[in-house]
Amino acid sequence: MELPELSLPLIQGFLICLARVAAMFAAIPVFSGGQIPPQLRLGVAVMFAMLTYPVVKDFIPAQSFTPLELGLVISAEVILGLLVGFLAQLVFMAAEFAGSLIGYQMGFAAANVFDPTTQSQVALISQFQGIFAILLFLSLDVHHLFLEAIVASFEMLPPGSLTLSGGAIPMIVEVANHSLILSIRLVAPILALLILSTLTLGIMSRVFPQLNVFMVSFPLNIGISFIVMGLTFGIVASLLQGEFSSLPERFLNLFSLM
């Protein structure tokens, strides 16, 4: 078996492929977390780039680039990879934002824990929702979609043809708006019952002035929230599964608009 000659176009083509793959891995959920060492993420990205390059090399221009041209092409590849990962991150942001709303309403506003993914303090219920979304993401093999998206991106959007003047940015804004609506849908049952509980306690405090509403509301809201969260797990999983199943269509729309 003869090894291919390491010519300049071959090396530059691999670097272009590596830039797109590494950018996707830098933004893909689960792998982009701070709990994974950067050396490991870089090694995985290089490995997948080596596996992907023989498949997509025909879509990469076989020419020698100047350092400036190569830098511009690699920058465009990084932008594309980050945008693809951002589309998937929006689903996790919606789940974590819904958890934050639940936590503040049920009285866990001060109950923050360290999140190794974002390297910051987050609400307890927010991290719980985020971990649930990650487990569902892995159990449904959604991470395999990114491997398919890498190859599809080279077929639909060869290196050097990226443009942001089309409908890509409005499409991303629309998906972000949809993610905000998704977070409200995830938290709606719990918020509705907590609002009803607050109104009931307010009426009782007017009827029984000696009732310590402040002390009663904490265990009541916490109990209601956990019970409703347990009863609506199936609905939350169904909503997130629907969002994950729509990711391939969103990726293809993004590639066609750029």
Protein backbone atom coordinates (compact mmCIF):
# COMPACT_ATOMS: atom_id res chain seq x y z
CA MET A 1 0.00 0.00 0.00
CA GLU A 2 1.51 3.28 -1.12
CA LEU A 3 1.01 6.35 1.04
CA PRO A 4 -0.23 9.48 -0.74
CA GLU A 5 2.30 12.17 -1.43
CA LEU A 6 2.05 15.03 1.05
CA SER A 7 1.66 17.85 -1.43
CA LEU A 8 0.76 21.40 -0.48
CA PRO A 9 -2.86 21.19 -1.80
CA LEU A 10 -3.36 17.96 0.16
CA ILE A 11 -2.14 19.52 3.41
CA GLN A 12 -4.18 22.68 2.89
CA GLY A 13 -7.28 20.63 2.04
CA PHE A 14 -6.90 18.62 5.24
CA LEU A 15 -6.50 21.82 7.27
CA ILE A 16 -9.72 23.19 5.74
CA CYS A 17 -11.53 19.95 6.58
CA LEU A 18 -10.08 19.97 10.09
CA ALA A 19 -11.23 23.57 10.65
CA ARG A 20 -14.87 22.71 9.88
CA VAL A 21 -14.83 19.47 11.90
CA ALA A 22 -13.05 21.03 14.89
CA ALA A 23 -15.46 23.99 14.95
CA MET A 24 -18.45 21.63 14.98
CA PHE A 25 -16.92 19.63 17.82
CA ALA A 26 -16.20 22.85 19.70
CA ALA A 27 -19.90 23.79 19.61
CA ILE A 28 -21.63 20.41 19.65
CA PRO A 29 -23.51 19.72 22.89
CA VAL A 30 -21.86 17.35 25.38
CA PHE A 31 -18.42 17.56 23.69
CA SER A 32 -18.19 21.34 24.08
CA GLY A 33 -18.38 21.22 27.87
CA GLY A 34 -15.54 22.32 30.09
CA GLN A 35 -15.42 18.89 31.75
CA ILE A 36 -13.74 17.47 28.62
CA PRO A 37 -10.04 18.43 28.32
CA PRO A 38 -9.21 20.53 25.23
CA GLN A 39 -6.48 18.07 24.26
CA LEU A 40 -9.03 15.25 24.09
CA ARG A 41 -11.46 17.33 22.03
CA LEU A 42 -8.69 18.31 19.63
CA GLY A 43 -7.55 14.70 19.31
CA VAL A 44 -11.08 13.50 18.56
CA ALA A 45 -11.53 16.30 16.00
CA VAL A 46 -8.26 15.37 14.25
CA MET A 47 -9.25 11.70 14.21
CA PHE A 48 -12.65 12.44 12.65
CA ALA A 49 -11.06 14.85 10.18
CA MET A 50 -8.70 12.09 9.06
CA LEU A 51 -11.67 9.76 8.59
CA THR A 52 -13.78 12.39 6.83
CA TYR A 53 -11.20 13.90 4.49
CA PRO A 54 -10.98 10.92 2.06
CA VAL A 55 -14.77 11.10 1.65
CA VAL A 56 -15.06 14.86 1.10
CA LYS A 57 -11.73 15.66 -0.59
CA ASP A 58 -13.41 15.85 -4.01
CA PHE A 59 -15.51 18.81 -2.76
CA ILE A 60 -12.44 20.76 -1.58
CA PRO A 61 -10.73 22.87 -4.27
CA ALA A 62 -7.50 21.11 -5.29
CA GLN A 63 -5.38 24.23 -5.53
CA SER A 64 -2.65 25.97 -3.63
CA PHE A 65 -3.85 28.86 -1.48
CA THR A 66 -1.79 31.82 -0.38
CA PRO A 67 -1.52 32.23 3.41
CA LEU A 68 -4.12 35.02 3.30
CA GLU A 69 -6.55 33.01 1.18
CA LEU A 70 -6.07 29.95 3.38
CA GLY A 71 -6.72 32.03 6.50
CA LEU A 72 -9.95 33.43 5.02
CA VAL A 73 -11.20 29.99 3.97
CA ILE A 74 -10.39 28.47 7.37
CA SER A 75 -12.16 31.37 9.12
CA ALA A 76 -15.27 30.77 7.02
CA GLU A 77 -15.13 27.05 7.85
CA VAL A 78 -14.92 27.82 11.57
CA ILE A 79 -17.94 30.13 11.34
CA LEU A 80 -19.96 27.45 9.58
CA GLY A 81 -19.04 24.80 12.14
CA LEU A 82 -19.93 27.08 15.05
CA LEU A 83 -23.30 27.93 13.49
CA VAL A 84 -24.18 24.25 13.10
CA GLY A 85 -23.31 23.58 16.73
CA PHE A 86 -25.22 26.68 17.85
CA LEU A 87 -28.43 25.38 16.25
CA ALA A 88 -28.21 22.28 18.45
CA GLN A 89 -27.19 24.28 21.52
CA LEU A 90 -30.44 26.26 21.30
CA VAL A 91 -32.43 23.17 22.32
CA PHE A 92 -30.30 22.75 25.46
CA MET A 93 -30.54 26.46 26.22
CA ALA A 94 -34.33 26.18 26.08
CA ALA A 95 -34.33 23.24 28.51
CA GLU A 96 -31.96 25.00 30.92
CA PHE A 97 -33.89 28.28 30.75
CA ALA A 98 -37.10 26.38 31.56
CA GLY A 99 -35.34 24.86 34.55
CA SER A 100 -34.26 28.31 35.71
CA LEU A 101 -37.84 29.56 35.58
CA ILE A 102 -39.05 26.56 37.56
CA GLY A 103 -36.31 26.99 40.15
CA TYR A 104 -37.05 30.66 40.77
CA GLN A 105 -40.79 30.09 41.02
CA MET A 106 -40.56 27.14 43.41
CA GLY A 107 -38.19 28.95 45.78
CA PHE A 108 -34.80 27.61 44.67
CA ALA A 109 -33.50 31.01 43.54
CA ALA A 110 -30.53 30.78 45.91
CA ALA A 111 -29.89 27.05 45.32
CA ASN A 112 -27.09 27.28 42.75
CA VAL A 113 -24.55 24.61 41.86
CA PHE A 114 -21.40 24.61 39.76
CA ASP A 115 -22.01 23.52 36.19
CA PRO A 116 -18.84 22.02 34.63
CA THR A 117 -20.29 22.48 31.14
CA THR A 118 -20.52 26.28 31.35
CA GLN A 119 -17.93 26.68 34.14
CA SER A 120 -20.35 28.87 36.12
CA GLN A 121 -22.96 28.78 38.86
CA VAL A 122 -26.41 27.77 37.60
CA ALA A 123 -29.77 27.08 39.19
CA LEU A 124 -30.23 23.57 40.57
CA ILE A 125 -33.31 22.74 38.48
CA SER A 126 -31.65 24.29 35.43
CA GLN A 127 -28.76 21.84 35.69
CA PHE A 128 -31.19 18.98 36.24
CA GLN A 129 -33.07 19.88 33.05
CA GLY A 130 -29.81 20.25 31.17
CA ILE A 131 -28.55 16.83 32.26
CA PHE A 132 -31.89 15.28 31.31
CA ALA A 133 -31.63 16.84 27.83
CA ILE A 134 -28.05 15.55 27.45
CA LEU A 135 -29.04 11.99 28.42
CA LEU A 136 -31.94 12.10 25.98
CA PHE A 137 -29.59 13.51 23.32
CA LEU A 138 -27.21 10.57 23.72
CA SER A 139 -29.88 7.88 24.09
CA LEU A 140 -31.48 8.94 20.79
CA ASP A 141 -28.07 8.90 19.02
CA VAL A 142 -28.56 12.51 17.96
CA HIS A 143 -24.80 13.04 18.08
CA HIS A 144 -24.57 10.77 15.02
CA LEU A 145 -26.42 13.46 13.08
CA PHE A 146 -23.40 15.73 13.37
CA LEU A 147 -21.23 13.17 11.60
CA GLU A 148 -23.76 13.06 8.77
CA ALA A 149 -23.99 16.86 8.80
CA ILE A 150 -20.22 17.13 8.27
CA VAL A 151 -20.34 15.16 5.03
CA ALA A 152 -23.58 16.81 3.88
CA SER A 153 -22.12 20.26 4.53
CA PHE A 154 -19.21 19.62 2.15
CA GLU A 155 -21.60 18.36 -0.53
CA MET A 156 -24.01 21.31 -0.26
CA LEU A 157 -21.55 23.99 0.77
CA PRO A 158 -18.01 23.40 -0.52
CA PRO A 159 -15.20 25.36 1.15
CA GLY A 160 -14.89 28.91 -0.11
CA SER A 161 -18.59 29.32 -0.97
CA LEU A 162 -19.82 30.50 2.43
CA THR A 163 -21.88 33.70 2.44
CA LEU A 164 -23.95 35.28 5.20
CA SER A 165 -25.83 37.66 2.90
CA GLY A 166 -28.67 35.19 2.26
CA GLY A 167 -31.36 34.00 4.61
CA ALA A 168 -29.07 32.17 7.05
CA ILE A 169 -29.11 34.85 9.77
CA PRO A 170 -32.93 35.32 9.70
CA MET A 171 -33.28 31.54 9.83
CA ILE A 172 -31.06 31.33 12.94
CA VAL A 173 -33.04 34.17 14.59
CA GLU A 174 -36.27 32.31 13.83
CA VAL A 175 -34.90 29.12 15.41
CA ALA A 176 -33.83 31.14 18.48
CA ASN A 177 -37.36 32.52 18.79
CA HIS A 178 -38.72 28.99 18.48
CA SER A 179 -36.39 27.87 21.29
CA LEU A 180 -37.78 30.58 23.57
CA ILE A 181 -41.30 29.35 22.84
CA LEU A 182 -40.10 25.79 23.54
CA SER A 183 -38.85 26.80 26.99
CA ILE A 184 -42.25 28.31 27.80
CA ARG A 185 -43.97 25.12 26.65
CA LEU A 186 -41.70 23.03 28.87
CA VAL A 187 -42.42 25.10 31.96
CA ALA A 188 -46.08 26.02 31.33
CA PRO A 189 -47.78 23.26 33.43
CA ILE A 190 -45.65 23.96 36.50
CA LEU A 191 -45.96 27.73 36.20
CA ALA A 192 -49.73 27.49 35.85
CA LEU A 193 -50.08 25.45 39.04
CA LEU A 194 -47.62 27.63 40.97
CA ILE A 195 -49.55 30.76 39.98
CA LEU A 196 -52.78 29.06 41.06
CA SER A 197 -51.14 28.06 44.35
CA THR A 198 -49.97 31.63 44.96
CA LEU A 199 -53.45 33.01 44.30
CA THR A 200 -54.98 30.44 46.65
CA LEU A 201 -52.55 31.32 49.43
CA GLY A 202 -53.22 35.01 48.87
CA ILE A 203 -56.96 34.47 49.31
CA MET A 204 -56.38 32.35 52.42
CA SER A 205 -54.17 35.05 53.94
CA ARG A 206 -57.05 37.51 53.58
CA VAL A 207 -59.49 35.06 55.16
CA PHE A 208 -57.10 33.92 57.91
CA PRO A 209 -54.76 36.83 58.75
CA GLN A 210 -52.98 34.74 61.38
CA LEU A 211 -51.82 32.27 58.68
CA ASN A 212 -48.10 32.53 57.98
CA VAL A 213 -48.31 32.39 54.18
CA PHE A 214 -44.57 32.89 53.75
CA MET A 215 -43.72 29.72 55.68
CA VAL A 216 -46.49 27.66 54.10
CA SER A 217 -45.71 28.65 50.49
CA PHE A 218 -42.18 27.22 50.44
CA PRO A 219 -42.91 23.52 51.09
CA LEU A 220 -46.17 23.73 49.16
CA ASN A 221 -44.58 25.17 46.00
CA ILE A 222 -41.64 22.77 46.19
CA GLY A 223 -43.94 19.77 46.59
CA ILE A 224 -46.23 20.85 43.75
CA SER A 225 -43.27 21.49 41.45
CA PHE A 226 -41.65 18.10 42.02
CA ILE A 227 -44.95 16.25 41.62
CA VAL A 228 -45.79 18.02 38.36
CA MET A 229 -42.22 17.55 37.07
CA GLY A 230 -42.55 13.82 37.66
CA LEU A 231 -45.94 13.66 35.97
CA THR A 232 -44.81 15.69 32.92
CA PHE A 233 -41.50 13.92 32.26
CA GLY A 234 -43.04 12.10 29.32
CA ILE A 235 -44.30 15.35 27.79
CA VAL A 236 -40.91 17.04 28.24
CA ALA A 237 -39.13 14.05 26.66
CA SER A 238 -41.57 14.08 23.74
CA LEU A 239 -41.04 17.80 23.12
CA LEU A 240 -37.25 17.48 23.25
CA GLN A 241 -37.33 14.41 21.02
CA GLY A 242 -39.32 16.36 18.45
CA GLU A 243 -36.75 19.15 18.54
CA PHE A 244 -33.86 16.72 18.14
CA SER A 245 -35.57 15.00 15.21
CA SER A 246 -35.91 18.36 13.43
CA LEU A 247 -32.18 19.10 13.63
CA PRO A 248 -31.28 17.42 10.28
CA GLU A 249 -33.86 19.56 8.48
CA ARG A 250 -32.51 22.69 10.14
CA PHE A 251 -28.96 21.78 9.17
CA LEU A 252 -29.97 21.28 5.53
CA ASN A 253 -31.89 24.58 5.53
CA LEU A 254 -28.84 26.35 6.94
CA PHE A 255 -26.55 24.88 4.27
CA SER A 256 -28.97 25.80 1.48
CA LEU A 257 -29.28 29.40 2.70
CA MET A 258 -25.54 30.04 3.01
